[in-house]
Protein backbone atom coordinates (compact mmCIF):
# COMPACT_ATOMS: atom_id res chain seq x y z
CA MET A 1 68.80 35.19 -0.43
CA GLU A 2 66.12 37.42 -1.98
CA THR A 3 63.47 34.78 -1.33
CA THR A 4 64.57 34.39 2.28
CA GLU A 5 64.47 38.12 2.97
CA THR A 6 61.05 38.42 1.34
CA VAL A 7 59.76 35.63 3.55
CA ARG A 8 61.38 37.24 6.60
CA ALA A 9 59.41 40.44 5.99
CA ARG A 10 56.20 38.48 5.44
CA ALA A 11 56.72 36.37 8.55
CA GLN A 12 57.38 39.32 10.83
CA ASP A 13 53.91 40.70 10.09
CA TYR A 14 52.37 37.73 11.91
CA PHE A 15 53.97 38.82 15.19
CA GLU A 16 52.40 42.25 15.46
CA GLY A 17 51.36 42.52 19.12
CA ALA A 18 52.69 39.05 20.02
CA SER A 19 53.39 38.19 23.64
CA PRO A 20 57.01 38.30 24.85
CA SER A 21 57.26 34.53 25.21
CA HIS A 22 56.55 33.89 21.52
CA ASP A 23 57.38 37.15 19.77
CA TRP A 24 59.62 37.96 16.81
CA HIS A 25 62.66 38.03 19.11
CA HIS A 26 61.99 34.35 19.83
CA VAL A 27 62.10 33.65 16.10
CA GLN A 28 65.38 35.56 15.78
CA ARG A 29 66.92 33.59 18.64
CA VAL A 30 65.80 30.29 17.12
CA GLU A 31 67.29 31.37 13.81
CA GLN A 32 70.62 32.14 15.51
CA LEU A 33 70.55 28.81 17.34
CA ALA A 34 69.79 26.99 14.09
CA GLU A 35 72.82 28.68 12.52
CA THR A 36 74.97 27.49 15.41
CA LEU A 37 73.74 23.92 15.07
CA LEU A 38 74.16 24.05 11.30
CA THR A 39 77.90 24.70 11.57
CA GLU A 40 78.32 21.06 12.60
CA ARG A 41 75.89 19.58 10.08
CA ASN A 42 76.87 19.79 6.43
CA ASP A 43 74.03 17.50 5.36
CA ALA A 44 71.24 20.06 5.81
CA ASN A 45 69.72 22.45 3.30
CA GLU A 46 70.34 25.88 4.76
CA GLN A 47 67.56 27.62 2.83
CA VAL A 48 64.93 25.09 3.90
CA LEU A 49 66.03 25.36 7.54
CA ARG A 50 66.09 29.15 7.52
CA LEU A 51 62.66 29.46 5.89
CA ALA A 52 61.19 26.94 8.31
CA THR A 53 62.72 28.84 11.23
CA LEU A 54 61.28 32.15 10.10
CA LEU A 55 57.81 30.66 9.60
CA HIS A 56 57.57 28.06 12.37
CA ASP A 57 55.53 30.19 14.81
CA ILE A 58 53.45 32.36 12.46
CA GLY A 59 50.31 30.76 13.87
CA ARG A 60 51.30 30.98 17.53
CA MET A 61 49.48 34.21 18.33
CA ARG A 62 46.32 32.93 16.68
CA GLU A 63 46.42 29.81 18.83
CA ASP A 64 47.00 31.84 21.99
CA GLN A 65 43.97 33.96 21.05
CA GLY A 66 41.83 30.85 20.61
CA LYS A 67 41.37 31.40 16.86
CA ILE A 68 42.96 28.09 15.85
CA ASP A 69 43.60 24.78 17.60
CA ASP A 70 47.18 24.01 16.56
CA HIS A 71 49.67 26.61 15.38
CA ALA A 72 51.93 23.96 13.83
CA VAL A 73 49.14 22.63 11.60
CA TRP A 74 47.86 26.09 10.65
CA GLY A 75 51.33 27.53 10.27
CA ALA A 76 52.49 24.77 7.94
CA LYS A 77 49.53 25.37 5.63
CA GLU A 78 49.97 29.13 5.77
CA ALA A 79 53.66 28.71 4.98
CA ASP A 80 52.71 26.71 1.87
CA SER A 81 50.80 29.71 0.54
CA ILE A 82 53.56 32.19 1.36
CA LEU A 83 56.30 30.08 -0.19
CA CYS A 84 54.22 29.37 -3.28
CA GLU A 85 53.68 33.11 -3.76
CA VAL A 86 57.42 33.82 -3.60
CA GLY A 87 58.13 31.13 -6.18
CA LEU A 88 59.81 28.43 -4.10
CA ASN A 89 59.76 25.02 -5.77
CA SER A 90 57.30 22.39 -4.58
CA THR A 91 59.95 20.06 -3.14
CA LYS A 92 61.33 22.71 -0.81
CA ILE A 93 57.82 23.84 0.12
CA GLU A 94 57.04 20.28 1.23
CA GLN A 95 60.28 20.16 3.22
CA VAL A 96 59.54 23.44 5.00
CA HIS A 97 55.96 22.28 5.63
CA HIS A 98 57.24 19.14 7.38
CA CYS A 99 59.66 21.14 9.53
CA ILE A 100 56.89 23.43 10.76
CA ARG A 101 54.37 20.64 11.20
CA SER A 102 56.75 18.57 13.33
CA HIS A 103 58.42 21.27 15.42
CA ARG A 104 55.87 21.44 18.22
CA TYR A 105 56.70 19.85 21.58
CA SER A 106 53.23 18.41 22.15
CA ASN A 107 52.88 16.96 18.67
CA ASP A 108 52.10 13.64 17.04
CA VAL A 109 54.53 14.18 14.17
CA GLU A 110 58.18 13.20 14.53
CA PRO A 111 60.79 15.07 12.45
CA GLN A 112 61.91 12.92 9.54
CA THR A 113 64.55 15.19 7.99
CA VAL A 114 67.77 16.79 9.16
CA GLU A 115 66.24 20.24 8.76
CA ALA A 116 63.23 19.29 10.89
CA GLU A 117 65.48 17.90 13.60
CA LEU A 118 67.58 21.06 13.63
CA LEU A 119 64.49 23.27 13.91
CA CYS A 120 63.14 21.18 16.80
CA ASP A 121 66.45 21.39 18.64
CA ALA A 122 66.82 25.14 18.08
CA ASP A 123 63.24 25.83 19.18
CA ASN A 124 63.59 23.68 22.31
CA LEU A 125 66.95 25.22 23.20
CA ASP A 126 65.27 28.62 23.44
CA ALA A 127 63.12 27.18 26.23
CA LEU A 128 66.23 26.30 28.25
CA GLY A 129 68.84 28.39 30.03
CA ALA A 130 68.40 31.96 31.25
CA VAL A 131 66.21 32.88 28.30
CA GLY A 132 64.06 29.84 28.90
CA ILE A 133 63.53 30.82 32.53
CA ALA A 134 62.42 34.29 31.48
CA ARG A 135 60.07 32.90 28.83
CA CYS A 136 58.56 30.43 31.26
CA PHE A 137 57.54 33.06 33.79
CA SER A 138 56.45 35.45 31.06
CA PHE A 139 54.09 32.88 29.56
CA GLY A 140 52.85 31.87 32.99
CA GLY A 141 52.00 35.49 33.69
CA GLU A 142 50.02 35.65 30.47
CA LEU A 143 48.03 32.63 31.63
CA GLY A 144 47.58 34.03 35.12
CA GLN A 145 49.38 31.07 36.72
CA ALA A 146 51.15 31.25 40.06
CA LEU A 147 54.93 31.31 40.22
CA TYR A 148 54.67 28.46 42.68
CA ASN A 149 52.28 27.13 45.29
CA PRO A 150 53.61 25.17 48.28
CA GLU A 151 50.24 23.42 48.47
CA ILE A 152 50.79 21.96 44.99
CA PRO A 153 54.13 20.14 45.14
CA ILE A 154 55.32 18.45 41.98
CA GLU A 155 54.57 15.05 43.54
CA THR A 156 50.81 15.75 43.59
CA ASP A 157 50.58 17.80 40.40
CA GLU A 158 48.89 15.47 37.90
CA THR A 159 48.65 18.00 35.05
CA SER A 160 50.74 17.54 31.91
CA SER A 161 52.38 20.96 31.97
CA GLY A 162 52.25 21.91 35.65
CA GLN A 163 49.79 24.02 37.63
CA THR A 164 52.50 26.51 38.57
CA GLN A 165 55.55 27.78 36.74
CA LEU A 166 57.92 26.07 39.15
CA ASN A 167 56.17 22.78 38.44
CA HIS A 168 56.34 23.48 34.71
CA PHE A 169 60.11 23.22 34.86
CA HIS A 170 59.77 19.67 36.16
CA LYS A 171 56.90 18.73 33.86
CA LYS A 172 58.34 20.00 30.59
CA ILE A 173 61.56 21.98 30.65
CA PHE A 174 63.74 19.30 32.23
CA SER A 175 62.57 16.83 29.59
CA LEU A 176 63.90 18.93 26.71
CA PRO A 177 67.55 17.77 26.79
CA GLY A 178 66.34 14.20 26.28
CA ARG A 179 64.39 15.29 23.21
CA MET A 180 67.37 16.68 21.33
CA TYR A 181 67.98 15.08 17.94
CA THR A 182 71.48 16.37 17.16
CA GLU A 183 74.80 16.13 18.93
CA PRO A 184 75.41 19.91 19.05
CA GLY A 185 71.84 20.32 20.30
CA ARG A 186 72.45 17.87 23.13
CA ARG A 187 75.67 19.60 24.09
CA ILE A 188 74.11 23.07 24.29
CA ALA A 189 71.05 21.66 26.06
CA GLU A 190 73.21 20.13 28.78
CA SER A 191 74.84 23.48 29.46
CA ARG A 192 71.55 25.36 29.50
CA GLU A 193 69.84 22.74 31.64
CA SER A 194 72.43 23.22 34.38
CA VAL A 195 71.48 26.91 34.54
CA VAL A 196 67.80 26.05 34.98
CA LYS A 197 68.49 23.40 37.62
CA GLU A 198 70.60 25.80 39.66
CA PHE A 199 67.87 28.44 39.41
CA VAL A 200 65.09 26.03 40.49
CA GLU A 201 67.03 24.84 43.52
CA ARG A 202 67.77 28.43 44.53
CA PHE A 203 64.11 29.36 44.01
CA LYS A 204 62.94 26.55 46.30
CA LEU A 205 65.34 27.60 49.06
CA GLU A 206 64.33 31.26 48.83
CA ALA A 207 60.63 30.40 48.71
CA ALA A 208 61.09 28.39 51.90
CA GLY A 209 62.84 31.34 53.56
CA GLU A 210 66.12 29.47 53.84
CA LEU A 211 68.14 32.04 51.91
């Protein structure tokens, strides 16, 4: 527990001035989601999962600022140093490293451990539901993207993440339930997805002046 709390304090320092979409509150929500998922999985190492959760986005702000190319790659290496300094054994350091390296949505590394799967599910769940909607528009605002543009319907939007925030739901967010690795993750994702779908349909009607 002492190691975890030391790492928590160290990790929080990396979020000084972070944007609302990827701030320390995001980390806390992912940690809570991971705890929820963990109640149905007795084959995971809780310490490894918790440490990976606390450290998974320590490089996010640096990536957003253009200082690094990939926060998962940088964050995994940075986590190695932090965990070595607090005296964690090499096996667990490697396990946490893999969790962080494989957690990113647009990544070439698939999670190979239970802990990595749980972190991926918890992180993706925070992009769904009411919180996910709020984060989507918050991040879009940071990028200066439009909420929506009737001249760029999803059918003609050839970008990978969507040119508008409304399109982003179709390009990425609605794909998240299909990327869940655990049964509890899939169950929560289904519930949260329904919230997003209802919101998107309502948004389209209001934007068209029908409601």
